[in-house]
PDB file of N, CA and C in Angstrom:
ATOM      1  N   MET A   1      -5.002   6.021 -11.823  1.00  0.00           N
ATOM      2  CA  MET A   1      -4.158   6.886 -12.606  1.00  0.00           C
ATOM      3  C   MET A   1      -3.942   6.299 -14.000  1.00  0.00           C
ATOM      4  N   ALA A   2      -3.604   4.991 -14.084  1.00  0.00           N
ATOM      5  CA  ALA A   2      -3.422   4.353 -15.390  1.00  0.00           C
ATOM      6  C   ALA A   2      -3.712   2.868 -15.256  1.00  0.00           C
ATOM      7  N   LYS A   3      -4.347   2.315 -16.282  1.00  0.00           N
ATOM      8  CA  LYS A   3      -4.618   0.882 -16.335  1.00  0.00           C
ATOM      9  C   LYS A   3      -3.950   0.309 -17.575  1.00  0.00           C
ATOM     10  N   THR A   4      -3.508  -0.937 -17.482  1.00  0.00           N
ATOM     11  CA  THR A   4      -2.880  -1.562 -18.639  1.00  0.00           C
ATOM     12  C   THR A   4      -3.947  -2.058 -19.602  1.00  0.00           C
ATOM     13  N   HIS A   5      -3.618  -2.101 -20.867  1.00  0.00           N
ATOM     14  CA  HIS A   5      -4.518  -2.634 -21.886  1.00  0.00           C
ATOM     15  C   HIS A   5      -3.996  -3.988 -22.323  1.00  0.00           C
ATOM     16  N   GLY A   6      -4.882  -4.964 -22.352  1.00  0.00           N
ATOM     17  CA  GLY A   6      -4.488  -6.300 -22.770  1.00  0.00           C
ATOM     18  C   GLY A   6      -3.778  -7.082 -21.681  1.00  0.00           C
ATOM     19  N   GLY A   7      -3.653  -6.503 -20.517  1.00  0.00           N
ATOM     20  CA  GLY A   7      -2.987  -7.175 -19.410  1.00  0.00           C
ATOM     21  C   GLY A   7      -3.678  -6.838 -18.114  1.00  0.00           C
ATOM     22  N   GLU A   8      -3.034  -7.105 -17.057  1.00  0.00           N
ATOM     23  CA  GLU A   8      -3.605  -6.824 -15.747  1.00  0.00           C
ATOM     24  C   GLU A   8      -2.795  -5.733 -15.063  1.00  0.00           C
ATOM     25  N   GLY A   9      -3.415  -5.048 -14.149  1.00  0.00           N
ATOM     26  CA  GLY A   9      -2.720  -4.088 -13.320  1.00  0.00           C
ATOM     27  C   GLY A   9      -3.163  -2.664 -13.540  1.00  0.00           C
ATOM     28  N   GLN A  10      -2.912  -1.862 -12.533  1.00  0.00           N
ATOM     29  CA  GLN A  10      -3.192  -0.437 -12.620  1.00  0.00           C
ATOM     30  C   GLN A  10      -2.264   0.311 -11.686  1.00  0.00           C
ATOM     31  N   THR A  11      -2.053   1.574 -11.998  1.00  0.00           N
ATOM     32  CA  THR A  11      -1.213   2.459 -11.203  1.00  0.00           C
ATOM     33  C   THR A  11      -2.099   3.533 -10.597  1.00  0.00           C
ATOM     34  N   SER A  12      -1.843   3.834  -9.338  1.00  0.00           N
ATOM     35  CA  SER A  12      -2.638   4.835  -8.635  1.00  0.00           C
ATOM     36  C   SER A  12      -1.723   5.802  -7.899  1.00  0.00           C
ATOM     37  N   PHE A  13      -2.324   6.863  -7.406  1.00  0.00           N
ATOM     38  CA  PHE A  13      -1.622   7.898  -6.672  1.00  0.00           C
ATOM     39  C   PHE A  13      -2.496   8.287  -5.494  1.00  0.00           C
ATOM     40  N   ALA A  14      -1.894   8.479  -4.320  1.00  0.00           N
ATOM     41  CA  ALA A  14      -2.665   8.855  -3.134  1.00  0.00           C
ATOM     42  C   ALA A  14      -1.873   9.861  -2.314  1.00  0.00           C
ATOM     43  N   THR A  15      -2.592  10.622  -1.517  1.00  0.00           N
ATOM     44  CA  THR A  15      -1.962  11.543  -0.571  1.00  0.00           C
ATOM     45  C   THR A  15      -2.507  11.253   0.820  1.00  0.00           C
ATOM     46  N   SER A  16      -1.718  11.596   1.838  1.00  0.00           N
ATOM     47  CA  SER A  16      -2.145  11.473   3.237  1.00  0.00           C
ATOM     48  C   SER A  16      -1.583  12.650   4.015  1.00  0.00           C
ATOM     49  N   GLU A  17      -2.386  13.165   4.896  1.00  0.00           N
ATOM     50  CA  GLU A  17      -1.964  14.278   5.740  1.00  0.00           C
ATOM     51  C   GLU A  17      -1.197  13.738   6.954  1.00  0.00           C
ATOM     52  N   PRO A  18      -0.403  14.564   7.620  1.00  0.00           N
ATOM     53  CA  PRO A  18       0.361  14.109   8.779  1.00  0.00           C
ATOM     54  C   PRO A  18      -0.526  13.395   9.810  1.00  0.00           C
ATOM     55  N   GLY A  19      -0.062  12.242  10.255  1.00  0.00           N
ATOM     56  CA  GLY A  19      -0.779  11.444  11.243  1.00  0.00           C
ATOM     57  C   GLY A  19      -1.823  10.506  10.667  1.00  0.00           C
ATOM     58  N   ALA A  20      -2.173  10.658   9.394  1.00  0.00           N
ATOM     59  CA  ALA A  20      -3.224   9.826   8.792  1.00  0.00           C
ATOM     60  C   ALA A  20      -2.734   8.404   8.551  1.00  0.00           C
ATOM     61  N   LEU A  21      -3.641   7.449   8.743  1.00  0.00           N
ATOM     62  CA  LEU A  21      -3.373   6.027   8.506  1.00  0.00           C
ATOM     63  C   LEU A  21      -4.265   5.564   7.362  1.00  0.00           C
ATOM     64  N   ARG A  22      -3.683   4.846   6.409  1.00  0.00           N
ATOM     65  CA  ARG A  22      -4.429   4.283   5.277  1.00  0.00           C
ATOM     66  C   ARG A  22      -4.182   2.784   5.259  1.00  0.00           C
ATOM     67  N   GLY A  23      -5.164   2.029   4.869  1.00  0.00           N
ATOM     68  CA  GLY A  23      -4.987   0.586   4.734  1.00  0.00           C
ATOM     69  C   GLY A  23      -5.751  -0.157   5.808  1.00  0.00           C
ATOM     70  N   GLY A  24      -5.071  -1.118   6.452  1.00  0.00           N
ATOM     71  CA  GLY A  24      -5.735  -1.971   7.420  1.00  0.00           C
ATOM     72  C   GLY A  24      -6.532  -3.055   6.724  1.00  0.00           C
ATOM     73  N   HIS A  25      -5.902  -3.680   5.733  1.00  0.00           N
ATOM     74  CA  HIS A  25      -6.571  -4.735   4.968  1.00  0.00           C
ATOM     75  C   HIS A  25      -5.532  -5.657   4.323  1.00  0.00           C
ATOM     76  N   TYR A  26      -6.034  -6.748   3.736  1.00  0.00           N
ATOM     77  CA  TYR A  26      -5.176  -7.656   2.975  1.00  0.00           C
ATOM     78  C   TYR A  26      -5.910  -8.071   1.706  1.00  0.00           C
ATOM     79  N   HIS A  27      -5.181  -8.739   0.818  1.00  0.00           N
ATOM     80  CA  HIS A  27      -5.733  -9.218  -0.448  1.00  0.00           C
ATOM     81  C   HIS A  27      -5.410 -10.703  -0.616  1.00  0.00           C
ATOM     82  N   ARG A  28      -6.320 -11.420  -1.216  1.00  0.00           N
ATOM     83  CA  ARG A  28      -6.075 -12.843  -1.524  1.00  0.00           C
ATOM     84  C   ARG A  28      -5.422 -13.016  -2.890  1.00  0.00           C
ATOM     85  N   ARG A  29      -5.697 -12.105  -3.835  1.00  0.00           N
ATOM     86  CA  ARG A  29      -5.178 -12.233  -5.200  1.00  0.00           C
ATOM     87  C   ARG A  29      -4.193 -11.134  -5.578  1.00  0.00           C
ATOM     88  N   LYS A  30      -4.443  -9.926  -5.138  1.00  0.00           N
ATOM     89  CA  LYS A  30      -3.680  -8.765  -5.595  1.00  0.00           C
ATOM     90  C   LYS A  30      -2.327  -8.658  -4.909  1.00  0.00           C
ATOM     91  N   ILE A  31      -1.343  -8.261  -5.693  1.00  0.00           N
ATOM     92  CA  ILE A  31      -0.035  -7.866  -5.181  1.00  0.00           C
ATOM     93  C   ILE A  31       0.049  -6.356  -5.365  1.00  0.00           C
ATOM     94  N   GLU A  32       0.547  -5.659  -4.346  1.00  0.00           N
ATOM     95  CA  GLU A  32       0.678  -4.207  -4.435  1.00  0.00           C
ATOM     96  C   GLU A  32       2.138  -3.814  -4.298  1.00  0.00           C
ATOM     97  N   ARG A  33       2.479  -2.687  -4.896  1.00  0.00           N
ATOM     98  CA  ARG A  33       3.831  -2.120  -4.804  1.00  0.00           C
ATOM     99  C   ARG A  33       3.683  -0.658  -4.413  1.00  0.00           C
ATOM    100  N   PHE A  34       4.370  -0.268  -3.334  1.00  0.00           N
ATOM    101  CA  PHE A  34       4.265   1.082  -2.782  1.00  0.00           C
ATOM    102  C   PHE A  34       5.586   1.822  -2.963  1.00  0.00           C
ATOM    103  N   ALA A  35       5.503   3.100  -3.322  1.00  0.00           N
ATOM    104  CA  ALA A  35       6.675   3.966  -3.397  1.00  0.00           C
ATOM    105  C   ALA A  35       6.286   5.342  -2.873  1.00  0.00           C
ATOM    106  N   VAL A  36       6.933   5.782  -1.799  1.00  0.00           N
ATOM    107  CA  VAL A  36       6.701   7.130  -1.291  1.00  0.00           C
ATOM    108  C   VAL A  36       7.465   8.088  -2.196  1.00  0.00           C
ATOM    109  N   LEU A  37       6.739   9.033  -2.766  1.00  0.00           N
ATOM    110  CA  LEU A  37       7.328   9.984  -3.701  1.00  0.00           C
ATOM    111  C   LEU A  37       7.783  11.261  -3.002  1.00  0.00           C
ATOM    112  N   LEU A  38       7.048  11.645  -1.958  1.00  0.00           N
ATOM    113  CA  LEU A  38       7.371  12.841  -1.194  1.00  0.00           C
ATOM    114  C   LEU A  38       6.797  12.672   0.206  1.00  0.00           C
ATOM    115  N   GLY A  39       7.565  13.046   1.200  1.00  0.00           N
ATOM    116  CA  GLY A  39       7.109  12.916   2.575  1.00  0.00           C
ATOM    117  C   GLY A  39       7.728  11.695   3.241  1.00  0.00           C
ATOM    118  N   THR A  40       7.231  11.389   4.446  1.00  0.00           N
ATOM    119  CA  THR A  40       7.768  10.286   5.230  1.00  0.00           C
ATOM    120  C   THR A  40       6.618   9.419   5.725  1.00  0.00           C
ATOM    121  N   GLY A  41       6.744   8.119   5.514  1.00  0.00           N
ATOM    122  CA  GLY A  41       5.692   7.205   5.941  1.00  0.00           C
ATOM    123  C   GLY A  41       6.253   5.981   6.634  1.00  0.00           C
ATOM    124  N   ARG A  42       5.378   5.297   7.344  1.00  0.00           N
ATOM    125  CA  ARG A  42       5.726   4.018   7.970  1.00  0.00           C
ATOM    126  C   ARG A  42       4.761   2.967   7.432  1.00  0.00           C
ATOM    127  N   ILE A  43       5.315   1.995   6.720  1.00  0.00           N
ATOM    128  CA  ILE A  43       4.527   0.876   6.212  1.00  0.00           C
ATOM    129  C   ILE A  43       4.639  -0.254   7.228  1.00  0.00           C
ATOM    130  N   SER A  44       3.492  -0.729   7.675  1.00  0.00           N
ATOM    131  CA  SER A  44       3.439  -1.850   8.611  1.00  0.00           C
ATOM    132  C   SER A  44       2.734  -3.006   7.924  1.00  0.00           C
ATOM    133  N   MET A  45       3.221  -4.211   8.194  1.00  0.00           N
ATOM    134  CA  MET A  45       2.626  -5.385   7.561  1.00  0.00           C
ATOM    135  C   MET A  45       2.741  -6.598   8.482  1.00  0.00           C
ATOM    136  N   ARG A  46       1.727  -7.475   8.377  1.00  0.00           N
ATOM    137  CA  ARG A  46       1.701  -8.686   9.186  1.00  0.00           C
ATOM    138  C   ARG A  46       1.105  -9.809   8.360  1.00  0.00           C
ATOM    139  N   ARG A  47       1.824 -10.910   8.287  1.00  0.00           N
ATOM    140  CA  ARG A  47       1.313 -12.082   7.573  1.00  0.00           C
ATOM    141  C   ARG A  47       0.103 -12.602   8.338  1.00  0.00           C
ATOM    142  N   MET A  48      -0.962 -12.904   7.622  1.00  0.00           N
ATOM    143  CA  MET A  48      -2.173 -13.393   8.261  1.00  0.00           C
ATOM    144  C   MET A  48      -1.867 -14.634   9.104  1.00  0.00           C
ATOM    145  N   PHE A  49      -2.558 -14.722  10.223  1.00  0.00           N
ATOM    146  CA  PHE A  49      -2.463 -15.844  11.168  1.00  0.00           C
ATOM    147  C   PHE A  49      -1.145 -15.871  11.925  1.00  0.00           C
ATOM    148  N   THR A  50      -0.433 -14.737  11.955  1.00  0.00           N
ATOM    149  CA  THR A  50       0.770 -14.597  12.766  1.00  0.00           C
ATOM    150  C   THR A  50       0.633 -13.321  13.588  1.00  0.00           C
ATOM    151  N   GLU A  51       1.541 -13.129  14.524  1.00  0.00           N
ATOM    152  CA  GLU A  51       1.506 -11.950  15.386  1.00  0.00           C
ATOM    153  C   GLU A  51       2.629 -10.958  15.073  1.00  0.00           C
ATOM    154  N   GLU A  52       3.666 -11.386  14.356  1.00  0.00           N
ATOM    155  CA  GLU A  52       4.835 -10.543  14.116  1.00  0.00           C
ATOM    156  C   GLU A  52       4.539  -9.450  13.091  1.00  0.00           C
ATOM    157  N   VAL A  53       4.772  -8.199  13.490  1.00  0.00           N
ATOM    158  CA  VAL A  53       4.570  -7.050  12.611  1.00  0.00           C
ATOM    159  C   VAL A  53       5.926  -6.553  12.126  1.00  0.00           C
ATOM    160  N   GLN A  54       6.039  -6.334  10.828  1.00  0.00           N
ATOM    161  CA  GLN A  54       7.242  -5.752  10.241  1.00  0.00           C
ATOM    162  C   GLN A  54       6.925  -4.311   9.866  1.00  0.00           C
ATOM    163  N   THR A  55       7.874  -3.404  10.115  1.00  0.00           N
ATOM    164  CA  THR A  55       7.662  -2.000   9.758  1.00  0.00           C
ATOM    165  C   THR A  55       8.839  -1.497   8.928  1.00  0.00           C
ATOM    166  N   PHE A  56       8.516  -0.593   8.025  1.00  0.00           N
ATOM    167  CA  PHE A  56       9.511   0.023   7.155  1.00  0.00           C
ATOM    168  C   PHE A  56       9.247   1.521   7.131  1.00  0.00           C
ATOM    169  N   ASP A  57      10.208   2.312   7.580  1.00  0.00           N
ATOM    170  CA  ASP A  57      10.107   3.762   7.458  1.00  0.00           C
ATOM    171  C   ASP A  57      10.636   4.141   6.083  1.00  0.00           C
ATOM    172  N   VAL A  58       9.812   4.831   5.326  1.00  0.00           N
ATOM    173  CA  VAL A  58      10.144   5.170   3.945  1.00  0.00           C
ATOM    174  C   VAL A  58      10.031   6.667   3.750  1.00  0.00           C
ATOM    175  N   ASP A  59      10.869   7.189   2.865  1.00  0.00           N
ATOM    176  CA  ASP A  59      10.973   8.624   2.677  1.00  0.00           C
ATOM    177  C   ASP A  59      11.096   8.914   1.190  1.00  0.00           C
ATOM    178  N   GLY A  60      10.480   9.985   0.755  1.00  0.00           N
ATOM    179  CA  GLY A  60      10.543  10.365  -0.651  1.00  0.00           C
ATOM    180  C   GLY A  60      11.949  10.682  -1.133  1.00  0.00           C
ATOM    181  N   ASP A  61      12.886  10.940  -0.216  1.00  0.00           N
ATOM    182  CA  ASP A  61      14.265  11.215  -0.611  1.00  0.00           C
ATOM    183  C   ASP A  61      15.042   9.942  -0.944  1.00  0.00           C
ATOM    184  N   ASP A  62      14.510   8.790  -0.543  1.00  0.00           N
ATOM    185  CA  ASP A  62      15.141   7.499  -0.843  1.00  0.00           C
ATOM    186  C   ASP A  62      14.318   6.773  -1.895  1.00  0.00           C
ATOM    187  N   GLU A  63      14.996   6.097  -2.784  1.00  0.00           N
ATOM    188  CA  GLU A  63      14.294   5.333  -3.819  1.00  0.00           C
ATOM    189  C   GLU A  63      14.061   3.913  -3.312  1.00  0.00           C
ATOM    190  N   VAL A  64      12.956   3.737  -2.602  1.00  0.00           N
ATOM    191  CA  VAL A  64      12.617   2.440  -2.024  1.00  0.00           C
ATOM    192  C   VAL A  64      11.218   2.056  -2.493  1.00  0.00           C
ATOM    193  N   VAL A  65      11.087   0.801  -2.894  1.00  0.00           N
ATOM    194  CA  VAL A  65       9.797   0.252  -3.275  1.00  0.00           C
ATOM    195  C   VAL A  65       9.515  -0.925  -2.354  1.00  0.00           C
ATOM    196  N   ILE A  66       8.317  -0.975  -1.799  1.00  0.00           N
ATOM    197  CA  ILE A  66       7.921  -2.067  -0.926  1.00  0.00           C
ATOM    198  C   ILE A  66       6.836  -2.867  -1.635  1.00  0.00           C
ATOM    199  N   ASP A  67       7.086  -4.148  -1.843  1.00  0.00           N
ATOM    200  CA  ASP A  67       6.091  -5.046  -2.435  1.00  0.00           C
ATOM    201  C   ASP A  67       5.275  -5.685  -1.325  1.00  0.00           C
ATOM    202  N   MET A  68       3.976  -5.750  -1.527  1.00  0.00           N
ATOM    203  CA  MET A  68       3.070  -6.330  -0.558  1.00  0.00           C
ATOM    204  C   MET A  68       2.487  -7.617  -1.143  1.00  0.00           C
ATOM    205  N   PRO A  69       2.934  -8.763  -0.624  1.00  0.00           N
ATOM    206  CA  PRO A  69       2.412 -10.027  -1.144  1.00  0.00           C
ATOM    207  C   PRO A  69       0.977 -10.282  -0.677  1.00  0.00           C
ATOM    208  N   THR A  70       0.353 -11.243  -1.274  1.00  0.00           N
ATOM    209  CA  THR A  70      -0.988 -11.634  -0.845  1.00  0.00           C
ATOM    210  C   THR A  70      -0.932 -12.182   0.576  1.00  0.00           C
ATOM    211  N   MET A  71      -2.065 -12.082   1.252  1.00  0.00           N
ATOM    212  CA  MET A  71      -2.252 -12.619   2.606  1.00  0.00           C
ATOM    213  C   MET A  71      -1.399 -11.919   3.667  1.00  0.00           C
ATOM    214  N   TRP A  72      -0.992 -10.674   3.408  1.00  0.00           N
ATOM    215  CA  TRP A  72      -0.313  -9.832   4.398  1.00  0.00           C
ATOM    216  C   TRP A  72      -1.204  -8.613   4.619  1.00  0.00           C
ATOM    217  N   THR A  73      -1.695  -8.426   5.842  1.00  0.00           N
ATOM    218  CA  THR A  73      -2.442  -7.213   6.140  1.00  0.00           C
ATOM    219  C   THR A  73      -1.443  -6.063   6.255  1.00  0.00           C
ATOM    220  N   HIS A  74      -1.836  -4.890   5.799  1.00  0.00           N
ATOM    221  CA  HIS A  74      -0.872  -3.795   5.702  1.00  0.00           C
ATOM    222  C   HIS A  74      -1.543  -2.438   5.846  1.00  0.00           C
ATOM    223  N   ASP A  75      -0.715  -1.450   6.225  1.00  0.00           N
ATOM    224  CA  ASP A  75      -1.162  -0.065   6.272  1.00  0.00           C
ATOM    225  C   ASP A  75       0.044   0.846   6.115  1.00  0.00           C
ATOM    226  N   ILE A  76      -0.236   2.123   5.903  1.00  0.00           N
ATOM    227  CA  ILE A  76       0.809   3.137   5.854  1.00  0.00           C
ATOM    228  C   ILE A  76       0.328   4.349   6.641  1.00  0.00           C
ATOM    229  N   THR A  77       1.223   4.872   7.463  1.00  0.00           N
ATOM    230  CA  THR A  77       0.935   6.049   8.280  1.00  0.00           C
ATOM    231  C   THR A  77       1.886   7.169   7.870  1.00  0.00           C
ATOM    232  N   ASN A  78       1.342   8.362   7.702  1.00  0.00           N
ATOM    233  CA  ASN A  78       2.177   9.527   7.446  1.00  0.00           C
ATOM    234  C   ASN A  78       2.802   9.929   8.780  1.00  0.00           C
ATOM    235  N   ILE A  79       4.115   9.717   8.935  1.00  0.00           N
ATOM    236  CA  ILE A  79       4.805  10.051  10.183  1.00  0.00           C
ATOM    237  C   ILE A  79       5.593  11.355  10.065  1.00  0.00           C
ATOM    238  N   GLY A  80       5.401  12.050   8.961  1.00  0.00           N
ATOM    239  CA  GLY A  80       6.105  13.317   8.752  1.00  0.00           C
ATOM    240  C   GLY A  80       5.256  14.521   9.101  1.00  0.00           C
ATOM    241  N   ASP A  81       5.789  15.693   8.782  1.00  0.00           N
ATOM    242  CA  ASP A  81       5.119  16.965   9.056  1.00  0.00           C
ATOM    243  C   ASP A  81       4.475  17.568   7.817  1.00  0.00           C
ATOM    244  N   GLU A  82       4.545  16.878   6.686  1.00  0.00           N
ATOM    245  CA  GLU A  82       3.983  17.397   5.445  1.00  0.00           C
ATOM    246  C   GLU A  82       3.124  16.320   4.785  1.00  0.00           C
ATOM    247  N   THR A  83       2.405  16.708   3.754  1.00  0.00           N
ATOM    248  CA  THR A  83       1.593  15.753   3.010  1.00  0.00           C
ATOM    249  C   THR A  83       2.478  14.660   2.423  1.00  0.00           C
ATOM    250  N   LEU A  84       2.041  13.424   2.536  1.00  0.00           N
ATOM    251  CA  LEU A  84       2.755  12.276   1.970  1.00  0.00           C
ATOM    252  C   LEU A  84       2.149  11.982   0.603  1.00  0.00           C
ATOM    253  N   TYR A  85       2.995  11.804  -0.391  1.00  0.00           N
ATOM    254  CA  TYR A  85       2.563  11.461  -1.743  1.00  0.00           C
ATOM    255  C   TYR A  85       3.025  10.036  -2.019  1.00  0.00           C
ATOM    256  N   LEU A  86       2.095   9.180  -2.398  1.00  0.00           N
ATOM    257  CA  LEU A  86       2.354   7.756  -2.538  1.00  0.00           C
ATOM    258  C   LEU A  86       1.966   7.275  -3.925  1.00  0.00           C
ATOM    259  N   GLY A  87       2.897   6.581  -4.589  1.00  0.00           N
ATOM    260  CA  GLY A  87       2.606   5.917  -5.851  1.00  0.00           C
ATOM    261  C   GLY A  87       2.345   4.450  -5.570  1.00  0.00           C
ATOM    262  N   LEU A  88       1.332   3.870  -6.222  1.00  0.00           N
ATOM    263  CA  LEU A  88       0.981   2.469  -6.017  1.00  0.00           C
ATOM    264  C   LEU A  88       0.807   1.764  -7.349  1.00  0.00           C
ATOM    265  N   TRP A  89       1.274   0.545  -7.411  1.00  0.00           N
ATOM    266  CA  TRP A  89       0.965  -0.338  -8.539  1.00  0.00           C
ATOM    267  C   TRP A  89       0.251  -1.544  -7.965  1.00  0.00           C
ATOM    268  N   ILE A  90      -0.819  -1.965  -8.622  1.00  0.00           N
ATOM    269  CA  ILE A  90      -1.614  -3.111  -8.178  1.00  0.00           C
ATOM    270  C   ILE A  90      -1.701  -4.078  -9.342  1.00  0.00           C
ATOM    271  N   SER A  91      -1.527  -5.362  -9.054  1.00  0.00           N
ATOM    272  CA  SER A  91      -1.421  -6.378 -10.102  1.00  0.00           C
ATOM    273  C   SER A  91      -2.738  -6.701 -10.795  1.00  0.00           C
ATOM    274  N   GLU A  92      -3.814  -6.095 -10.373  1.00  0.00           N
ATOM    275  CA  GLU A  92      -5.130  -6.416 -10.911  1.00  0.00           C
ATOM    276  C   GLU A  92      -5.956  -5.142 -11.022  1.00  0.00           C
ATOM    277  N   VAL A  93      -6.648  -4.969 -12.113  1.00  0.00           N
ATOM    278  CA  VAL A  93      -7.526  -3.819 -12.290  1.00  0.00           C
ATOM    279  C   VAL A  93      -8.702  -3.949 -11.319  1.00  0.00           C
ATOM    280  N   PHE A  94      -9.071  -2.834 -10.680  1.00  0.00           N
ATOM    281  CA  PHE A  94     -10.185  -2.850  -9.736  1.00  0.00           C
ATOM    282  C   PHE A  94     -11.483  -3.204 -10.441  1.00  0.00           C
ATOM    283  N   ARG A  95     -12.183  -4.193  -9.896  1.00  0.00           N
ATOM    284  CA  ARG A  95     -13.492  -4.610 -10.405  1.00  0.00           C
ATOM    285  C   ARG A  95     -14.450  -4.681  -9.213  1.00  0.00           C
ATOM    286  N   PRO A  96     -15.389  -3.746  -9.098  1.00  0.00           N
ATOM    287  CA  PRO A  96     -16.277  -3.744  -7.932  1.00  0.00           C
ATOM    288  C   PRO A  96     -17.087  -5.026  -7.789  1.00  0.00           C
ATOM    289  N   GLU A  97     -17.344  -5.712  -8.896  1.00  0.00           N
ATOM    290  CA  GLU A  97     -18.111  -6.962  -8.833  1.00  0.00           C
ATOM    291  C   GLU A  97     -17.272  -8.145  -8.348  1.00  0.00           C
ATOM    292  N   ARG A  98     -15.967  -7.947  -8.231  1.00  0.00           N
ATOM    293  CA  ARG A  98     -15.057  -9.014  -7.791  1.00  0.00           C
ATOM    294  C   ARG A  98     -14.066  -8.445  -6.765  1.00  0.00           C
ATOM    295  N   PRO A  99     -14.547  -8.041  -5.592  1.00  0.00           N
ATOM    296  CA  PRO A  99     -13.679  -7.379  -4.609  1.00  0.00           C
ATOM    297  C   PRO A  99     -12.606  -8.318  -4.050  1.00  0.00           C
ATOM    298  N   ASP A 100     -11.493  -7.722  -3.642  1.00  0.00           N
ATOM    299  CA  ASP A 100     -10.396  -8.492  -3.040  1.00  0.00           C
ATOM    300  C   ASP A 100      -9.692  -7.657  -1.969  1.00  0.00           C
ATOM    301  N   THR A 101     -10.451  -6.883  -1.224  1.00  0.00           N
ATOM    302  CA  THR A 101      -9.912  -6.108  -0.122  1.00  0.00           C
ATOM    303  C   THR A 101     -10.666  -6.531   1.126  1.00  0.00           C
ATOM    304  N   ILE A 102      -9.959  -7.182   2.048  1.00  0.00           N
ATOM    305  CA  ILE A 102     -10.581  -7.713   3.257  1.00  0.00           C
ATOM    306  C   ILE A 102     -10.026  -6.935   4.445  1.00  0.00           C
ATOM    307  N   ARG A 103     -10.887  -6.282   5.191  1.00  0.00           N
ATOM    308  CA  ARG A 103     -10.477  -5.476   6.352  1.00  0.00           C
ATOM    309  C   ARG A 103      -9.869  -6.369   7.435  1.00  0.00           C
ATOM    310  N   GLU A 104      -8.689  -5.958   7.899  1.00  0.00           N
ATOM    311  CA  GLU A 104      -7.981  -6.657   8.979  1.00  0.00           C
ATOM    312  C   GLU A 104      -6.901  -5.722   9.487  1.00  0.00           C
ATOM    313  N   PRO A 105      -6.955  -5.328  10.755  1.00  0.00           N
ATOM    314  CA  PRO A 105      -5.905  -4.443  11.266  1.00  0.00           C
ATOM    315  C   PRO A 105      -4.538  -5.147  11.296  1.00  0.00           C
ATOM    316  N   VAL A 106      -3.489  -4.345  11.131  1.00  0.00           N
ATOM    317  CA  VAL A 106      -2.151  -4.895  11.221  1.00  0.00           C
ATOM    318  C   VAL A 106      -1.904  -5.258  12.680  1.00  0.00           C
TER     319      VAL A 106
END
């Protein structure tokens, strides 16, 4: 959606239909920030090399931002009955030649 000039980071926008799961990965360098703009979602996250899963139910009616640190595998599931609209900020501009998305289920 937007990239910074002279700095790092980009902003994105995504949608998910009811029941859809997005994510299932972690990053070594990137920090992500999630904000549900409309709809209801469940963000799940697990620190790598541990078993404990943390979950956060988030709703577009509440102003909540969830930061995702490095080395935490994470996903978001649309648990509502309508399309979920999600705003994301990522601390690093996407560079296909330097990937930092490693598949790992929560």
